[in-house]
Amino acid sequence: MSPALPPAAGGTAGAEDTLSVPVTAVIPPTTIDALLDRYEAILFDAYGVLVHAGGPLPGAADLIARLNREGRRYFVVTNDASKRPDTAARRYQRFGLPLDASRILTSGMLLVPHFAAYGLVGRRCTVLGPPDSARYVEDAGGVVVPPDERFDVLVIGDESGFPFMEWADAALSSLFEAIDAGRDVHLVVPNPDLIYPAGSGFGFAAGTIANMFEGALALRYPGRADLRFVRLGKPNTPIFEDAVRRAGTGRVVMIGDQLETDIKGARAAGLDAVWIQTGVTQEIPATTPEHLRPTWRMSGLVSDVDHPGHPDHPGMIPVVR
C-alpha cells in the first residue's frame, strides 16, 4: 500500500502552490531495512541501482550477500538484452555481487513469448548486438542471419559488442530493400532504454538505436506509422508480472533509477516503487504526473539516511523543505 503523502506546509495547497513544491518534498524517504520490514520481495534494476558499467555501486555487494544469507526473496529485473542470465551472473560475481543466474530476469527473455505470439518462430532474423543477444533470438526460435542478407525480423539487442556502423548500415539497407519490395519486416527491441549510466558518465542504449532507425524510416516512408519497433522491456508490465509470479507474493517493491522505465512500469503493474538517486534520474520535476511518481525515495543503497537521527530517516516525520 502506498503511503499517504503529506500536504504542503500551511495546509491544503492550491494549484500554484502545488507546482512550487518539489515532488521530492512529498515523497517519503525509506531505507533497505524499512523495505525489508514492509515487503516480502524486492525487485532491483541493475544499472544505476546495483552496478554501473565499471563496477558495483556502494553497498550493493553487502546487500546481496545479506539477502542471500537471510533467505530473502529478490530479483534483478533489467532491460539489458546483451547478456543472458548466466553471463550477467558471472559478471556480477566478478564485481563481488553473489548473484545467481536464477535471480536475473532480462528483457531478452521476453523474446520467447513474443516470437510465439507473433508467429516468428523459424523466421530469418538479423540481430544487432553481441553473441548473447543472438542467442536470445535463437532461444525464441529465430534463425539468425547476417544484416546484409534478406531477413524477416530485425532485433536490436544492444548498441555495442559488434561492428556497429557496418552492421547498422547493412541492416538499414536490407530493411529498405525489403520494404521497397513490399515485404513485411517485424521490428523489435527488447530494451527500450535510451541511456544508461557508464561509470562517471553515460552511454546510449538500445532504445536510442531503435529511435534512430525509426527516424530513417519516417524520412524515407512518410506516413507509414506501422514502421515502428515493438518495445518489450520496462515499463511494459510482462517482465514485472513474471517477477511477481516467481516471487510468489504480491507484497513486492521495485527499486529503480529511471522514472520512465522502472517507476512507470512498477506503478502500471500495481507495485510500489522506490526511486534511487544513483543512476539516470537525478531530480523529479514538480509537474511530474502521478503515474511516474515513486512511492518512496532513497539517496542510495547506503547513505546517511540510514542513521536514526537523520531528518530523512523513515522514523522521522517527513517535512516539506
Protein backbone atom coordinates (compact mmCIF):
# COMPACT_ATOMS: atom_id res chain seq x y z
CA MET A 1 0.00 0.00 0.00
CA SER A 2 1.36 3.42 -0.91
CA PRO A 3 1.93 5.84 1.96
CA ALA A 4 -0.23 8.89 2.35
CA LEU A 5 1.59 11.95 1.05
CA PRO A 6 1.67 14.97 3.39
CA PRO A 7 0.22 18.31 2.24
CA ALA A 8 2.46 21.28 1.71
CA ALA A 9 3.29 23.30 4.80
CA GLY A 10 0.48 25.64 5.84
CA GLY A 11 -2.42 23.34 4.95
CA THR A 12 -4.05 22.40 1.66
CA ALA A 13 -2.17 23.89 -1.26
CA GLY A 14 -3.74 25.43 -4.32
CA ALA A 15 -2.65 24.60 -7.86
CA GLU A 16 0.04 27.30 -7.96
CA ASP A 17 1.39 26.31 -4.52
CA THR A 18 1.46 22.63 -5.55
CA LEU A 19 3.60 23.41 -8.60
CA SER A 20 6.01 25.37 -6.43
CA VAL A 21 6.65 22.44 -4.08
CA PRO A 22 9.34 19.98 -5.25
CA VAL A 23 7.97 16.48 -5.73
CA THR A 24 10.75 15.09 -3.56
CA ALA A 25 9.35 17.10 -0.63
CA VAL A 26 6.24 14.91 -0.54
CA ILE A 27 7.83 11.55 -1.37
CA PRO A 28 8.69 9.81 1.91
CA PRO A 29 12.29 8.61 2.30
CA THR A 30 13.00 4.98 3.06
CA THR A 31 15.86 2.58 3.75
CA ILE A 32 16.61 -1.03 2.88
CA ASP A 33 15.73 -2.12 6.43
CA ALA A 34 12.37 -0.38 6.22
CA LEU A 35 11.62 -2.01 2.86
CA LEU A 36 12.50 -5.46 4.18
CA ASP A 37 10.12 -4.91 7.09
CA ARG A 38 7.27 -3.82 4.80
CA TYR A 39 7.63 -6.07 1.73
CA GLU A 40 8.18 -9.79 1.16
CA ALA A 41 10.17 -9.40 -2.06
CA ILE A 42 12.34 -6.72 -3.64
CA LEU A 43 12.98 -6.15 -7.35
CA PHE A 44 16.16 -4.32 -8.31
CA ASP A 45 17.03 -2.61 -11.54
CA ALA A 46 20.65 -3.36 -12.44
CA TYR A 47 22.36 -0.33 -13.98
CA GLY A 48 22.18 2.70 -11.74
CA VAL A 49 21.00 0.66 -8.74
CA LEU A 50 23.40 -2.25 -8.18
CA VAL A 51 26.07 -1.55 -10.79
CA HIS A 52 27.28 0.82 -13.44
CA ALA A 53 29.39 -0.07 -16.45
CA GLY A 54 32.60 -0.04 -14.43
CA GLY A 55 31.63 -2.00 -11.34
CA PRO A 56 29.32 -2.22 -8.32
CA LEU A 57 27.66 0.73 -6.64
CA PRO A 58 28.29 1.35 -2.91
CA GLY A 59 26.57 -1.18 -0.66
CA ALA A 60 25.42 -3.48 -3.46
CA ALA A 61 27.70 -6.43 -2.68
CA ASP A 62 26.96 -6.35 1.06
CA LEU A 63 23.24 -6.06 0.44
CA ILE A 64 23.05 -9.03 -1.95
CA ALA A 65 25.13 -11.12 0.47
CA ARG A 66 22.74 -10.18 3.27
CA LEU A 67 19.64 -11.05 1.24
CA ASN A 68 21.16 -14.44 0.38
CA ARG A 69 22.15 -15.08 3.98
CA GLU A 70 18.67 -14.20 5.30
CA GLY A 71 16.86 -16.18 2.60
CA ARG A 72 15.04 -13.12 1.27
CA ARG A 73 13.09 -13.13 -1.98
CA TYR A 74 14.52 -10.78 -4.62
CA PHE A 75 15.19 -10.49 -8.34
CA VAL A 76 17.21 -8.26 -10.62
CA VAL A 77 14.82 -7.02 -13.30
CA THR A 78 16.85 -5.48 -16.10
CA ASN A 79 16.25 -4.18 -19.61
CA ASP A 80 19.71 -5.35 -20.64
CA ALA A 81 19.33 -7.79 -23.54
CA SER A 82 23.04 -8.08 -24.28
CA LYS A 83 23.76 -10.75 -21.65
CA ARG A 84 21.97 -13.95 -20.82
CA PRO A 85 21.36 -14.53 -17.09
CA ASP A 86 24.33 -16.86 -16.72
CA THR A 87 26.65 -14.37 -18.44
CA ALA A 88 25.30 -11.50 -16.36
CA ALA A 89 25.67 -13.52 -13.15
CA ARG A 90 29.34 -14.21 -13.86
CA ARG A 91 29.92 -10.51 -14.47
CA TYR A 92 28.17 -9.53 -11.23
CA GLN A 93 30.18 -12.14 -9.36
CA ARG A 94 33.41 -10.63 -10.69
CA PHE A 95 32.15 -7.35 -9.20
CA GLY A 96 31.74 -9.09 -5.84
CA LEU A 97 27.95 -9.46 -6.02
CA PRO A 98 27.00 -13.07 -5.13
CA LEU A 99 24.13 -13.20 -7.64
CA ASP A 100 22.84 -16.47 -9.09
CA ALA A 101 21.53 -16.58 -12.66
CA SER A 102 18.10 -17.68 -11.37
CA ARG A 103 17.75 -14.25 -9.73
CA ILE A 104 18.14 -12.35 -13.01
CA LEU A 105 15.21 -11.51 -15.30
CA THR A 106 16.09 -9.73 -18.54
CA SER A 107 14.15 -8.15 -21.37
CA GLY A 108 15.85 -10.61 -23.74
CA MET A 109 13.91 -13.43 -22.07
CA LEU A 110 10.69 -11.77 -23.32
CA LEU A 111 11.56 -12.70 -26.90
CA VAL A 112 10.37 -16.29 -26.35
CA PRO A 113 6.70 -15.40 -25.71
CA HIS A 114 6.90 -12.54 -28.24
CA PHE A 115 8.07 -14.80 -31.08
CA ALA A 116 5.38 -17.34 -30.20
CA ALA A 117 2.63 -14.69 -30.11
CA TYR A 118 3.61 -13.12 -33.45
CA GLY A 119 4.36 -16.33 -35.37
CA LEU A 120 8.06 -15.54 -35.73
CA VAL A 121 9.42 -18.99 -34.90
CA GLY A 122 11.55 -20.23 -37.78
CA ARG A 123 11.81 -16.77 -39.40
CA ARG A 124 15.07 -15.23 -40.61
CA CYS A 125 16.32 -12.67 -38.08
CA THR A 126 19.08 -10.08 -38.13
CA VAL A 127 20.31 -9.17 -34.66
CA LEU A 128 22.23 -6.02 -33.83
CA GLY A 129 24.04 -6.98 -30.65
CA PRO A 130 26.70 -9.26 -29.16
CA PRO A 131 26.53 -13.08 -29.26
CA ASP A 132 24.21 -13.34 -26.24
CA SER A 133 21.63 -11.13 -28.00
CA ALA A 134 21.70 -13.56 -30.93
CA ARG A 135 21.32 -16.49 -28.52
CA TYR A 136 18.18 -14.90 -27.07
CA VAL A 137 16.75 -14.85 -30.60
CA GLU A 138 17.76 -18.47 -31.19
CA ASP A 139 16.17 -19.45 -27.87
CA ALA A 140 12.96 -17.85 -29.16
CA GLY A 141 13.09 -19.95 -32.34
CA GLY A 142 14.53 -17.39 -34.74
CA VAL A 143 17.13 -18.20 -37.39
CA VAL A 144 19.93 -15.63 -37.17
CA VAL A 145 21.32 -14.31 -40.47
CA PRO A 146 23.83 -11.53 -41.31
CA PRO A 147 22.46 -7.98 -41.71
CA ASP A 148 23.30 -7.82 -45.42
CA GLU A 149 21.07 -10.82 -46.17
CA ARG A 150 17.31 -10.95 -46.57
CA PHE A 151 15.58 -11.08 -43.18
CA ASP A 152 12.03 -11.14 -41.82
CA VAL A 153 12.77 -9.80 -38.34
CA LEU A 154 15.14 -7.07 -37.15
CA VAL A 155 16.07 -7.31 -33.46
CA ILE A 156 18.09 -4.59 -31.77
CA GLY A 157 19.71 -6.39 -28.86
CA ASP A 158 22.31 -3.82 -27.84
CA GLU A 159 24.33 -0.85 -29.00
CA SER A 160 27.77 -2.41 -28.55
CA GLY A 161 29.66 -5.68 -28.82
CA PHE A 162 29.59 -5.72 -32.64
CA PRO A 163 30.79 -3.52 -35.55
CA PHE A 164 28.00 -1.00 -35.05
CA MET A 165 28.15 1.25 -38.13
CA GLU A 166 28.94 -1.61 -40.53
CA TRP A 167 26.06 -3.77 -39.29
CA ALA A 168 23.62 -0.89 -38.80
CA ASP A 169 24.19 0.43 -42.32
CA ALA A 170 23.80 -3.07 -43.78
CA ALA A 171 20.63 -3.73 -41.77
CA LEU A 172 19.14 -0.37 -42.81
CA SER A 173 19.88 -1.07 -46.48
CA SER A 174 18.37 -4.57 -46.29
CA LEU A 175 15.35 -3.16 -44.44
CA PHE A 176 14.73 -0.52 -47.12
CA GLU A 177 15.10 -3.18 -49.82
CA ALA A 178 12.50 -5.37 -48.13
CA ILE A 179 10.01 -2.54 -47.71
CA ASP A 180 10.50 -1.36 -51.31
CA ALA A 181 9.74 -4.93 -52.44
CA GLY A 182 6.52 -4.95 -50.40
CA ARG A 183 7.74 -7.46 -47.82
CA ASP A 184 6.77 -7.19 -44.17
CA VAL A 185 9.60 -6.97 -41.65
CA HIS A 186 8.92 -7.28 -37.93
CA LEU A 187 10.87 -4.78 -35.81
CA VAL A 188 11.51 -5.48 -32.13
CA VAL A 189 13.77 -4.03 -29.43
CA PRO A 190 13.75 -5.85 -26.08
CA ASN A 191 15.46 -2.94 -24.29
CA PRO A 192 13.61 0.39 -24.65
CA ASP A 193 16.17 2.28 -22.51
CA LEU A 194 17.57 5.41 -24.16
CA ILE A 195 20.65 5.90 -21.97
CA TYR A 196 22.45 4.10 -19.15
CA PRO A 197 25.00 5.13 -16.50
CA ALA A 198 28.54 4.25 -17.56
CA GLY A 199 30.98 4.87 -14.74
CA SER A 200 31.24 8.63 -14.24
CA GLY A 201 29.31 9.30 -17.45
CA PHE A 202 26.53 7.91 -19.60
CA GLY A 203 26.07 5.92 -22.79
CA PHE A 204 23.39 5.45 -25.41
CA ALA A 205 21.26 2.32 -25.00
CA ALA A 206 19.37 0.12 -27.46
CA GLY A 207 16.20 2.21 -27.36
CA THR A 208 18.12 5.12 -28.87
CA ILE A 209 19.25 2.89 -31.74
CA ALA A 210 15.62 1.93 -32.37
CA ASN A 211 14.73 5.64 -32.44
CA MET A 212 17.49 6.20 -34.97
CA PHE A 213 16.09 3.50 -37.28
CA GLU A 214 12.56 4.87 -36.87
CA GLY A 215 13.81 8.34 -37.82
CA ALA A 216 15.35 6.93 -41.01
CA LEU A 217 12.15 5.00 -41.80
CA ALA A 218 9.98 8.10 -41.27
CA LEU A 219 12.22 10.08 -43.62
CA ARG A 220 12.09 7.52 -46.42
CA TYR A 221 8.49 6.34 -45.90
CA PRO A 222 6.47 9.31 -44.58
CA GLY A 223 3.04 8.38 -43.31
CA ARG A 224 3.99 4.74 -42.58
CA ALA A 225 3.09 4.68 -38.89
CA ASP A 226 3.38 0.89 -38.94
CA LEU A 227 7.15 1.00 -39.39
CA ARG A 228 7.94 1.11 -35.69
CA PHE A 229 9.66 -1.19 -33.23
CA VAL A 230 7.78 -3.24 -30.67
CA ARG A 231 9.34 -2.42 -27.30
CA LEU A 232 9.31 -5.32 -24.82
CA GLY A 233 11.04 -4.42 -21.55
CA LYS A 234 10.26 -2.00 -18.77
CA PRO A 235 7.96 -0.03 -18.50
CA ASN A 236 5.81 -2.72 -20.10
CA THR A 237 4.23 -4.96 -17.48
CA PRO A 238 5.07 -8.56 -18.59
CA ILE A 239 8.54 -8.52 -17.01
CA PHE A 240 7.06 -7.29 -13.71
CA GLU A 241 4.28 -9.87 -13.84
CA ASP A 242 6.86 -12.62 -14.36
CA ALA A 243 8.87 -11.36 -11.39
CA VAL A 244 5.81 -11.29 -9.12
CA ARG A 245 4.89 -14.81 -10.23
CA ARG A 246 8.40 -16.05 -9.43
CA ALA A 247 8.40 -14.24 -6.08
CA GLY A 248 5.16 -15.96 -5.09
CA THR A 249 3.78 -12.89 -3.33
CA GLY A 250 2.04 -9.64 -4.16
CA ARG A 251 3.93 -7.73 -1.48
CA VAL A 252 6.65 -6.63 -3.86
CA VAL A 253 8.51 -3.34 -4.30
CA MET A 254 10.69 -2.19 -7.20
CA ILE A 255 13.89 -0.17 -6.71
CA GLY A 256 14.92 1.73 -9.83
CA ASP A 257 16.66 4.86 -11.02
CA GLN A 258 14.56 5.82 -14.06
CA LEU A 259 11.05 7.23 -13.89
CA GLU A 260 10.08 6.28 -17.45
CA THR A 261 11.00 2.60 -17.12
CA ASP A 262 11.38 1.42 -13.52
CA ILE A 263 8.87 3.65 -11.75
CA LYS A 264 6.28 3.86 -14.52
CA GLY A 265 6.45 0.11 -15.13
CA ALA A 266 6.13 -0.84 -11.48
CA ARG A 267 3.21 1.52 -10.93
CA ALA A 268 1.46 0.17 -14.05
CA ALA A 269 1.89 -3.36 -12.67
CA GLY A 270 0.29 -2.32 -9.38
CA LEU A 271 3.55 -2.33 -7.41
CA ASP A 272 5.09 0.20 -5.07
CA ALA A 273 8.29 1.76 -6.38
CA VAL A 274 11.42 3.31 -4.90
CA TRP A 275 13.33 5.96 -6.80
CA ILE A 276 17.06 5.74 -6.05
CA GLN A 277 19.26 8.71 -6.91
CA THR A 278 22.37 6.81 -8.04
CA GLY A 279 21.53 6.47 -11.72
CA VAL A 280 19.91 8.32 -14.62
CA THR A 281 17.12 10.37 -13.00
CA GLN A 282 18.62 12.98 -10.68
CA GLU A 283 15.52 15.04 -9.91
CA ILE A 284 11.75 14.83 -10.26
CA PRO A 285 10.10 17.98 -11.66
CA ALA A 286 7.12 19.39 -9.80
CA THR A 287 4.95 18.76 -12.87
CA THR A 288 5.69 15.01 -12.93
CA PRO A 289 2.38 13.14 -13.45
CA GLU A 290 1.13 10.71 -10.83
CA HIS A 291 1.88 7.55 -12.83
CA LEU A 292 5.60 8.48 -12.87
CA ARG A 293 5.85 9.34 -9.19
CA PRO A 294 7.56 6.83 -6.90
CA THR A 295 6.13 5.63 -3.61
CA TRP A 296 9.43 6.13 -1.80
CA ARG A 297 12.85 7.68 -2.40
CA MET A 298 16.41 6.69 -1.47
CA SER A 299 19.67 8.55 -1.99
CA GLY A 300 21.50 5.23 -2.32
CA LEU A 301 21.59 1.66 -1.08
CA VAL A 302 23.58 3.00 1.87
CA SER A 303 23.54 6.62 2.99
CA ASP A 304 23.40 8.93 5.97
CA VAL A 305 19.62 8.45 5.89
CA ASP A 306 20.18 5.04 7.47
CA HIS A 307 21.09 6.72 10.74
CA PRO A 308 18.04 7.22 13.03
CA GLY A 309 18.95 10.83 13.77
CA HIS A 310 18.90 11.89 10.13
CA PRO A 311 15.89 14.10 9.29
CA ASP A 312 15.02 11.87 6.33
CA HIS A 313 15.08 8.62 8.32
CA PRO A 314 11.73 6.82 7.83
CA GLY A 315 11.17 7.00 11.56
CA MET A 316 11.05 10.79 11.33
CA ILE A 317 8.02 12.75 10.15
CA PRO A 318 8.53 13.85 6.53
CA VAL A 319 8.67 17.63 6.20
CA VAL A 320 8.44 19.97 3.25
CA ARG A 321 11.67 21.83 2.69
